[in-house]
Amino acid sequence: MSAWQPLPDELPPEVRHFVEQLRLLKDRTGLSLVALGARTAYSKSSWQRYLNGSQPPPRQAVVALCRVAGEDAERFGVRWELAVRAWPRPAPQTVPPSSRPTHPAGAGERADAEAYEDDPTLPWWDTPAAEPAPRPPGRIALYAALAVLIALALVCAALIGAVTLS
């Protein structure tokens, strides 16, 4: 097992439990943070922040770790939801009233709730394949014109051959 830094005392129990479970899951893989980063498309420094409780991981990072460890991602998804709801929010920075954006009533509450929105980053092996670019429409017309010219050349050659033999 790895020697982990102690988690901050101010972490809520849900967050503490979730991070401890992530640490156990990471330890079961036997991978270093560098190797884990290479296998999950999340950097070593990102995994350090997630596993030290300083930043909540995106849901896709948890799913990627579960995939690497051969663990059920749904169970960890539920733990992730509970932890993210309880995760301490960074202290709001003081912004002068003149530079504050104007939002309708309740928008600030919604922004706080969405502060730890799920990160849509996917590993390269999970990204959907791009649709092949359609061929330019003129290509079919070009092939048809080429076929007509070849057929015309063959007809001309046949006529010239027939005239010459007569």
C-alpha atoms as a PDB file:
ATOM      1  CA  MET A   1       0.000   0.000   0.000  1.00  0.00           C
ATOM      2  CA  SER A   2       1.039   3.571  -0.603  1.00  0.00           C
ATOM      3  CA  ALA A   3       1.850   5.991   2.153  1.00  0.00           C
ATOM      4  CA  TRP A   4      -0.889   8.588   1.696  1.00  0.00           C
ATOM      5  CA  GLN A   5      -0.900  12.077   3.138  1.00  0.00           C
ATOM      6  CA  PRO A   6      -3.453  12.528   5.910  1.00  0.00           C
ATOM      7  CA  LEU A   7      -6.695  13.990   4.603  1.00  0.00           C
ATOM      8  CA  PRO A   8      -7.603  17.523   5.730  1.00  0.00           C
ATOM      9  CA  ASP A   9      -9.580  17.559   8.986  1.00  0.00           C
ATOM     10  CA  GLU A  10     -12.237  19.883   7.556  1.00  0.00           C
ATOM     11  CA  LEU A  11     -13.419  17.324   4.967  1.00  0.00           C
ATOM     12  CA  PRO A  12     -16.992  16.136   5.551  1.00  0.00           C
ATOM     13  CA  PRO A  13     -17.396  12.415   6.341  1.00  0.00           C
ATOM     14  CA  GLU A  14     -18.906  11.668   2.898  1.00  0.00           C
ATOM     15  CA  VAL A  15     -15.917  13.193   1.154  1.00  0.00           C
ATOM     16  CA  ARG A  16     -13.425  11.521   3.489  1.00  0.00           C
ATOM     17  CA  HIS A  17     -15.031   8.098   2.920  1.00  0.00           C
ATOM     18  CA  PHE A  18     -15.116   8.606  -0.857  1.00  0.00           C
ATOM     19  CA  VAL A  19     -11.455   9.651  -1.068  1.00  0.00           C
ATOM     20  CA  GLU A  20     -10.394   6.748   1.172  1.00  0.00           C
ATOM     21  CA  GLN A  21     -12.282   4.339  -1.112  1.00  0.00           C
ATOM     22  CA  LEU A  22     -10.635   5.884  -4.184  1.00  0.00           C
ATOM     23  CA  ARG A  23      -7.238   5.476  -2.519  1.00  0.00           C
ATOM     24  CA  LEU A  24      -7.932   1.802  -1.817  1.00  0.00           C
ATOM     25  CA  LEU A  25      -9.084   1.314  -5.391  1.00  0.00           C
ATOM     26  CA  LYS A  26      -5.941   2.987  -6.734  1.00  0.00           C
ATOM     27  CA  ASP A  27      -3.740   0.874  -4.440  1.00  0.00           C
ATOM     28  CA  ARG A  28      -5.443  -2.318  -5.682  1.00  0.00           C
ATOM     29  CA  THR A  29      -4.411  -1.459  -9.242  1.00  0.00           C
ATOM     30  CA  GLY A  30      -0.743  -1.526  -8.200  1.00  0.00           C
ATOM     31  CA  LEU A  31      -0.118   1.406 -10.555  1.00  0.00           C
ATOM     32  CA  SER A  32       1.874   4.528  -9.799  1.00  0.00           C
ATOM     33  CA  LEU A  33       0.142   7.862 -10.302  1.00  0.00           C
ATOM     34  CA  VAL A  34       2.091   8.334 -13.548  1.00  0.00           C
ATOM     35  CA  ALA A  35       0.938   4.927 -14.861  1.00  0.00           C
ATOM     36  CA  LEU A  36      -2.613   5.612 -13.668  1.00  0.00           C
ATOM     37  CA  GLY A  37      -2.532   8.913 -15.528  1.00  0.00           C
ATOM     38  CA  ALA A  38      -1.400   7.175 -18.699  1.00  0.00           C
ATOM     39  CA  ARG A  39      -4.175   4.566 -18.421  1.00  0.00           C
ATOM     40  CA  THR A  40      -6.992   7.015 -17.612  1.00  0.00           C
ATOM     41  CA  ALA A  41      -6.195  10.212 -19.572  1.00  0.00           C
ATOM     42  CA  TYR A  42      -6.002  12.224 -16.328  1.00  0.00           C
ATOM     43  CA  SER A  43      -2.591  13.568 -15.327  1.00  0.00           C
ATOM     44  CA  LYS A  44      -0.508  12.537 -12.337  1.00  0.00           C
ATOM     45  CA  SER A  45      -1.071  15.956 -10.748  1.00  0.00           C
ATOM     46  CA  SER A  46      -4.837  15.645 -11.246  1.00  0.00           C
ATOM     47  CA  TRP A  47      -4.829  12.256  -9.509  1.00  0.00           C
ATOM     48  CA  GLN A  48      -2.770  13.753  -6.682  1.00  0.00           C
ATOM     49  CA  ARG A  49      -5.411  16.455  -6.170  1.00  0.00           C
ATOM     50  CA  TYR A  50      -8.263  13.932  -6.329  1.00  0.00           C
ATOM     51  CA  LEU A  51      -6.637  11.399  -3.987  1.00  0.00           C
ATOM     52  CA  ASN A  52      -5.507  14.011  -1.455  1.00  0.00           C
ATOM     53  CA  GLY A  53      -9.005  15.468  -1.152  1.00  0.00           C
ATOM     54  CA  SER A  54      -8.073  18.921  -2.417  1.00  0.00           C
ATOM     55  CA  GLN A  55     -10.307  18.723  -5.496  1.00  0.00           C
ATOM     56  CA  PRO A  56     -13.263  16.531  -6.438  1.00  0.00           C
ATOM     57  CA  PRO A  57     -12.583  14.242  -9.398  1.00  0.00           C
ATOM     58  CA  PRO A  58     -14.817  14.416 -12.442  1.00  0.00           C
ATOM     59  CA  ARG A  59     -17.203  11.495 -12.750  1.00  0.00           C
ATOM     60  CA  GLN A  60     -15.367  10.263 -15.857  1.00  0.00           C
ATOM     61  CA  ALA A  61     -12.095  10.055 -13.891  1.00  0.00           C
ATOM     62  CA  VAL A  62     -13.798   7.830 -11.315  1.00  0.00           C
ATOM     63  CA  VAL A  63     -15.272   5.677 -14.083  1.00  0.00           C
ATOM     64  CA  ALA A  64     -11.826   5.396 -15.704  1.00  0.00           C
ATOM     65  CA  LEU A  65     -10.226   4.351 -12.394  1.00  0.00           C
ATOM     66  CA  CYS A  66     -12.959   1.744 -11.865  1.00  0.00           C
ATOM     67  CA  ARG A  67     -12.379   0.398 -15.360  1.00  0.00           C
ATOM     68  CA  VAL A  68      -8.625   0.074 -14.740  1.00  0.00           C
ATOM     69  CA  ALA A  69      -9.230  -1.604 -11.362  1.00  0.00           C
ATOM     70  CA  GLY A  70     -11.984  -3.902 -12.669  1.00  0.00           C
ATOM     71  CA  GLU A  71     -14.490  -2.423 -10.204  1.00  0.00           C
ATOM     72  CA  ASP A  72     -18.193  -1.601 -10.561  1.00  0.00           C
ATOM     73  CA  ALA A  73     -18.399   2.023 -11.714  1.00  0.00           C
ATOM     74  CA  GLU A  74     -22.058   2.417 -10.680  1.00  0.00           C
ATOM     75  CA  ARG A  75     -21.300   1.877  -7.005  1.00  0.00           C
ATOM     76  CA  PHE A  76     -18.543   4.460  -7.112  1.00  0.00           C
ATOM     77  CA  GLY A  77     -20.805   6.769  -9.120  1.00  0.00           C
ATOM     78  CA  VAL A  78     -23.261   6.869  -6.205  1.00  0.00           C
ATOM     79  CA  ARG A  79     -20.410   7.567  -3.765  1.00  0.00           C
ATOM     80  CA  TRP A  80     -19.153  10.297  -6.109  1.00  0.00           C
ATOM     81  CA  GLU A  81     -22.567  12.016  -6.138  1.00  0.00           C
ATOM     82  CA  LEU A  82     -22.772  12.002  -2.327  1.00  0.00           C
ATOM     83  CA  ALA A  83     -19.218  13.293  -1.985  1.00  0.00           C
ATOM     84  CA  VAL A  84     -19.564  16.059  -4.574  1.00  0.00           C
ATOM     85  CA  ARG A  85     -22.699  17.360  -2.862  1.00  0.00           C
ATOM     86  CA  ALA A  86     -20.813  17.578   0.446  1.00  0.00           C
ATOM     87  CA  TRP A  87     -17.448  18.726  -0.967  1.00  0.00           C
ATOM     88  CA  PRO A  88     -16.350  22.041   0.556  1.00  0.00           C
ATOM     89  CA  ARG A  89     -16.745  24.908  -1.880  1.00  0.00           C
ATOM     90  CA  PRO A  90     -13.893  27.370  -2.332  1.00  0.00           C
ATOM     91  CA  ALA A  91     -14.454  30.683  -0.604  1.00  0.00           C
ATOM     92  CA  PRO A  92     -15.991  33.211  -2.997  1.00  0.00           C
ATOM     93  CA  GLN A  93     -13.650  35.986  -4.029  1.00  0.00           C
ATOM     94  CA  THR A  94     -14.692  39.535  -3.351  1.00  0.00           C
ATOM     95  CA  VAL A  95     -15.585  41.284  -6.593  1.00  0.00           C
ATOM     96  CA  PRO A  96     -16.337  45.005  -6.721  1.00  0.00           C
ATOM     97  CA  PRO A  97     -20.034  45.655  -7.432  1.00  0.00           C
ATOM     98  CA  SER A  98     -19.221  47.510 -10.655  1.00  0.00           C
ATOM     99  CA  SER A  99     -17.558  44.448 -12.218  1.00  0.00           C
ATOM    100  CA  ARG A 100     -20.087  41.852 -11.032  1.00  0.00           C
ATOM    101  CA  PRO A 101     -22.171  40.279 -13.780  1.00  0.00           C
ATOM    102  CA  THR A 102     -25.889  40.791 -13.437  1.00  0.00           C
ATOM    103  CA  HIS A 103     -27.825  37.548 -13.016  1.00  0.00           C
ATOM    104  CA  PRO A 104     -31.493  36.918 -12.397  1.00  0.00           C
ATOM    105  CA  ALA A 105     -32.548  36.056  -8.871  1.00  0.00           C
ATOM    106  CA  GLY A 106     -31.361  32.634  -7.792  1.00  0.00           C
ATOM    107  CA  ALA A 107     -28.611  32.429 -10.441  1.00  0.00           C
ATOM    108  CA  GLY A 108     -25.879  32.593  -7.780  1.00  0.00           C
ATOM    109  CA  GLU A 109     -27.373  29.597  -6.007  1.00  0.00           C
ATOM    110  CA  ARG A 110     -27.511  27.697  -9.268  1.00  0.00           C
ATOM    111  CA  ALA A 111     -23.864  28.588 -10.011  1.00  0.00           C
ATOM    112  CA  ASP A 112     -22.835  27.223  -6.589  1.00  0.00           C
ATOM    113  CA  ALA A 113     -24.719  23.997  -7.212  1.00  0.00           C
ATOM    114  CA  GLU A 114     -23.036  23.627 -10.608  1.00  0.00           C
ATOM    115  CA  ALA A 115     -19.546  24.487  -9.316  1.00  0.00           C
ATOM    116  CA  TYR A 116     -18.501  20.831  -9.471  1.00  0.00           C
ATOM    117  CA  GLU A 117     -20.188  19.994 -12.725  1.00  0.00           C
ATOM    118  CA  ASP A 118     -19.296  16.703 -14.335  1.00  0.00           C
ATOM    119  CA  ASP A 119     -16.269  16.986 -16.615  1.00  0.00           C
ATOM    120  CA  PRO A 120     -17.032  15.655 -20.099  1.00  0.00           C
ATOM    121  CA  THR A 121     -13.406  14.718 -20.746  1.00  0.00           C
ATOM    122  CA  LEU A 122     -13.159  11.208 -22.131  1.00  0.00           C
ATOM    123  CA  PRO A 123     -10.059   9.085 -22.618  1.00  0.00           C
ATOM    124  CA  TRP A 124      -8.958   8.749 -26.225  1.00  0.00           C
ATOM    125  CA  TRP A 125     -10.209   5.149 -26.378  1.00  0.00           C
ATOM    126  CA  ASP A 126     -13.737   6.198 -25.363  1.00  0.00           C
ATOM    127  CA  THR A 127     -14.129   9.107 -27.747  1.00  0.00           C
ATOM    128  CA  PRO A 128     -16.602   8.392 -30.518  1.00  0.00           C
ATOM    129  CA  ALA A 129     -15.042   7.809 -33.911  1.00  0.00           C
ATOM    130  CA  ALA A 130     -15.378  10.776 -36.224  1.00  0.00           C
ATOM    131  CA  GLU A 131     -17.635  10.263 -39.203  1.00  0.00           C
ATOM    132  CA  PRO A 132     -15.618   9.976 -42.411  1.00  0.00           C
ATOM    133  CA  ALA A 133     -15.757  13.121 -44.483  1.00  0.00           C
ATOM    134  CA  PRO A 134     -18.181  12.776 -47.371  1.00  0.00           C
ATOM    135  CA  ARG A 135     -16.606  12.706 -50.804  1.00  0.00           C
ATOM    136  CA  PRO A 136     -17.046  15.839 -52.874  1.00  0.00           C
ATOM    137  CA  PRO A 137     -20.155  15.545 -55.049  1.00  0.00           C
ATOM    138  CA  GLY A 138     -18.185  16.277 -58.238  1.00  0.00           C
ATOM    139  CA  ARG A 139     -16.168  13.061 -57.922  1.00  0.00           C
ATOM    140  CA  ILE A 140     -19.021  10.853 -59.179  1.00  0.00           C
ATOM    141  CA  ALA A 141     -19.651  13.214 -62.077  1.00  0.00           C
ATOM    142  CA  LEU A 142     -15.932  13.113 -62.907  1.00  0.00           C
ATOM    143  CA  TYR A 143     -15.946   9.303 -62.970  1.00  0.00           C
ATOM    144  CA  ALA A 144     -19.047   9.299 -65.193  1.00  0.00           C
ATOM    145  CA  ALA A 145     -17.505  11.809 -67.622  1.00  0.00           C
ATOM    146  CA  LEU A 146     -14.306   9.756 -67.733  1.00  0.00           C
ATOM    147  CA  ALA A 147     -16.288   6.597 -68.516  1.00  0.00           C
ATOM    148  CA  VAL A 148     -18.148   8.408 -71.327  1.00  0.00           C
ATOM    149  CA  LEU A 149     -14.864   9.670 -72.814  1.00  0.00           C
ATOM    150  CA  ILE A 150     -13.331   6.194 -72.725  1.00  0.00           C
ATOM    151  CA  ALA A 151     -16.434   4.713 -74.344  1.00  0.00           C
ATOM    152  CA  LEU A 152     -16.374   7.463 -76.993  1.00  0.00           C
ATOM    153  CA  ALA A 153     -12.673   6.802 -77.667  1.00  0.00           C
ATOM    154  CA  LEU A 154     -13.389   3.083 -78.101  1.00  0.00           C
ATOM    155  CA  VAL A 155     -16.259   3.784 -80.492  1.00  0.00           C
ATOM    156  CA  CYS A 156     -14.064   6.150 -82.515  1.00  0.00           C
ATOM    157  CA  ALA A 157     -11.269   3.576 -82.626  1.00  0.00           C
ATOM    158  CA  ALA A 158     -13.741   0.924 -83.802  1.00  0.00           C
ATOM    159  CA  LEU A 159     -15.098   3.217 -86.536  1.00  0.00           C
ATOM    160  CA  ILE A 160     -11.635   4.144 -87.742  1.00  0.00           C
ATOM    161  CA  GLY A 161     -10.652   0.470 -87.774  1.00  0.00           C
ATOM    162  CA  ALA A 162     -13.807  -0.458 -89.710  1.00  0.00           C
ATOM    163  CA  VAL A 163     -13.239   2.304 -92.284  1.00  0.00           C
ATOM    164  CA  THR A 164      -9.598   1.362 -92.743  1.00  0.00           C
ATOM    165  CA  LEU A 165     -10.383  -2.318 -93.324  1.00  0.00           C
ATOM    166  CA  SER A 166     -13.055  -1.615 -95.932  1.00  0.00           C
END
